[in-house]
Amino acid sequence: MSMDFDNKVVELRNLKEVNSNDLGKIGGTSTAITAKYEPNKMTPSVEMEKR
């Protein structure tokens, strides 16, 4: 069974002990955008997912 993107973001963020601010910096986007991934309000582009 595949994991939804939002759940995978939460799992990896917790595993790597990265907060949403750091995730935004790593992905080259704002915290406001990355904060929308976890509640599944938006999904990233393919380019962003590769980062």
N, C-alpha and C. Protein backbone atom coordinates (compact mmCIF):
# COMPACT_ATOMS: atom_id res chain seq x y z
N MET A 1 0.84 -1.18 0.00
CA MET A 1 0.00 0.00 0.00
C MET A 1 0.88 1.24 0.00
N SER A 2 0.61 2.20 -0.86
CA SER A 2 1.42 3.40 -0.93
C SER A 2 0.95 4.42 0.11
N MET A 3 1.90 5.17 0.60
CA MET A 3 1.61 6.18 1.60
C MET A 3 1.29 7.49 0.89
N ASP A 4 0.28 8.19 1.39
CA ASP A 4 -0.04 9.50 0.83
C ASP A 4 1.12 10.46 1.06
N PHE A 5 1.25 11.44 0.16
CA PHE A 5 2.36 12.38 0.24
C PHE A 5 2.38 13.11 1.58
N ASP A 6 1.20 13.56 2.05
CA ASP A 6 1.16 14.32 3.30
C ASP A 6 1.67 13.49 4.48
N ASN A 7 1.31 12.23 4.53
CA ASN A 7 1.78 11.37 5.62
C ASN A 7 3.28 11.10 5.51
N LYS A 8 3.76 10.99 4.28
CA LYS A 8 5.18 10.75 4.06
C LYS A 8 6.00 11.97 4.50
N VAL A 9 5.49 13.17 4.23
CA VAL A 9 6.18 14.39 4.67
C VAL A 9 6.31 14.41 6.18
N VAL A 10 5.23 14.12 6.88
CA VAL A 10 5.25 14.11 8.34
C VAL A 10 6.24 13.05 8.84
N GLU A 11 6.18 11.86 8.29
CA GLU A 11 7.05 10.78 8.73
C GLU A 11 8.53 11.13 8.53
N LEU A 12 8.86 11.62 7.36
CA LEU A 12 10.26 11.96 7.08
C LEU A 12 10.73 13.16 7.89
N ARG A 13 9.85 14.15 8.07
CA ARG A 13 10.22 15.32 8.86
C ARG A 13 10.52 14.92 10.29
N ASN A 14 9.71 14.05 10.85
CA ASN A 14 9.93 13.56 12.22
C ASN A 14 11.18 12.70 12.30
N LEU A 15 11.38 11.85 11.32
CA LEU A 15 12.54 10.97 11.30
C LEU A 15 13.84 11.77 11.25
N LYS A 16 13.86 12.79 10.43
CA LYS A 16 15.06 13.62 10.25
C LYS A 16 15.13 14.78 11.24
N GLU A 17 14.10 14.91 12.08
CA GLU A 17 14.01 16.00 13.07
C GLU A 17 14.16 17.36 12.40
N VAL A 18 13.36 17.56 11.36
CA VAL A 18 13.36 18.81 10.60
C VAL A 18 12.02 19.50 10.84
N ASN A 19 12.06 20.80 11.16
CA ASN A 19 10.80 21.53 11.33
C ASN A 19 10.35 22.09 9.98
N SER A 20 9.15 22.67 9.96
CA SER A 20 8.62 23.14 8.68
C SER A 20 9.42 24.31 8.11
N ASN A 21 10.03 25.13 8.96
CA ASN A 21 10.90 26.21 8.47
C ASN A 21 12.08 25.62 7.71
N ASP A 22 12.72 24.62 8.32
CA ASP A 22 13.87 23.97 7.68
C ASP A 22 13.46 23.27 6.38
N LEU A 23 12.30 22.65 6.40
CA LEU A 23 11.81 21.98 5.19
C LEU A 23 11.65 22.97 4.05
N GLY A 24 11.13 24.14 4.35
CA GLY A 24 10.99 25.18 3.34
C GLY A 24 12.34 25.60 2.78
N LYS A 25 13.32 25.75 3.66
CA LYS A 25 14.67 26.14 3.22
C LYS A 25 15.29 25.06 2.34
N ILE A 26 15.13 23.81 2.76
CA ILE A 26 15.68 22.68 2.00
C ILE A 26 15.03 22.61 0.61
N GLY A 27 13.73 22.82 0.58
CA GLY A 27 13.01 22.73 -0.68
C GLY A 27 13.03 24.00 -1.51
N GLY A 28 13.59 25.06 -0.95
CA GLY A 28 13.66 26.31 -1.69
C GLY A 28 12.32 27.00 -1.83
N THR A 29 11.48 26.86 -0.82
CA THR A 29 10.17 27.48 -0.84
C THR A 29 9.86 28.05 0.54
N SER A 30 8.72 28.66 0.68
CA SER A 30 8.37 29.28 1.96
C SER A 30 7.75 28.27 2.92
N THR A 31 7.78 28.64 4.19
CA THR A 31 7.15 27.81 5.22
C THR A 31 5.65 27.73 4.98
N ALA A 32 5.06 28.81 4.50
CA ALA A 32 3.62 28.83 4.24
C ALA A 32 3.23 27.78 3.21
N ILE A 33 4.06 27.61 2.21
CA ILE A 33 3.78 26.60 1.18
C ILE A 33 3.98 25.20 1.74
N THR A 34 5.10 24.95 2.39
CA THR A 34 5.36 23.60 2.91
C THR A 34 4.36 23.21 3.99
N ALA A 35 3.84 24.19 4.72
CA ALA A 35 2.85 23.90 5.76
C ALA A 35 1.54 23.38 5.17
N LYS A 36 1.30 23.64 3.91
CA LYS A 36 0.07 23.16 3.26
C LYS A 36 0.18 21.71 2.80
N TYR A 37 1.39 21.16 2.78
CA TYR A 37 1.57 19.77 2.35
C TYR A 37 1.04 18.79 3.39
N GLU A 38 1.33 19.03 4.66
CA GLU A 38 0.96 18.07 5.69
C GLU A 38 -0.54 17.87 5.85
N PRO A 39 -1.35 18.93 5.84
CA PRO A 39 -2.80 18.68 5.92
C PRO A 39 -3.41 18.36 4.56
N ASN A 40 -2.54 18.13 3.57
CA ASN A 40 -2.96 17.75 2.21
C ASN A 40 -3.81 18.82 1.54
N LYS A 41 -3.50 20.10 1.84
CA LYS A 41 -4.21 21.20 1.19
C LYS A 41 -3.63 21.49 -0.18
N MET A 42 -2.41 21.05 -0.41
CA MET A 42 -1.81 21.17 -1.73
C MET A 42 -0.71 20.14 -1.86
N THR A 43 -0.38 19.81 -3.09
CA THR A 43 0.72 18.89 -3.34
C THR A 43 1.79 19.62 -4.15
N PRO A 44 3.03 19.26 -3.93
CA PRO A 44 4.12 19.95 -4.63
C PRO A 44 4.22 19.52 -6.08
N SER A 45 4.94 20.32 -6.83
CA SER A 45 5.21 19.96 -8.22
C SER A 45 6.19 18.78 -8.22
N VAL A 46 6.31 18.16 -9.35
CA VAL A 46 7.24 17.04 -9.50
C VAL A 46 8.66 17.48 -9.18
N GLU A 47 9.02 18.69 -9.61
CA GLU A 47 10.36 19.22 -9.35
C GLU A 47 10.60 19.35 -7.84
N MET A 48 9.60 19.83 -7.11
CA MET A 48 9.74 20.00 -5.66
C MET A 48 9.84 18.64 -4.97
N GLU A 49 9.08 17.67 -5.42
CA GLU A 49 9.14 16.34 -4.81
C GLU A 49 10.52 15.72 -4.95
N LYS A 50 11.23 16.04 -6.02
CA LYS A 50 12.56 15.48 -6.23
C LYS A 50 13.60 16.05 -5.28
N ARG A 51 13.34 17.25 -4.75
CA ARG A 51 14.29 17.87 -3.82
C ARG A 51 14.26 17.13 -2.52
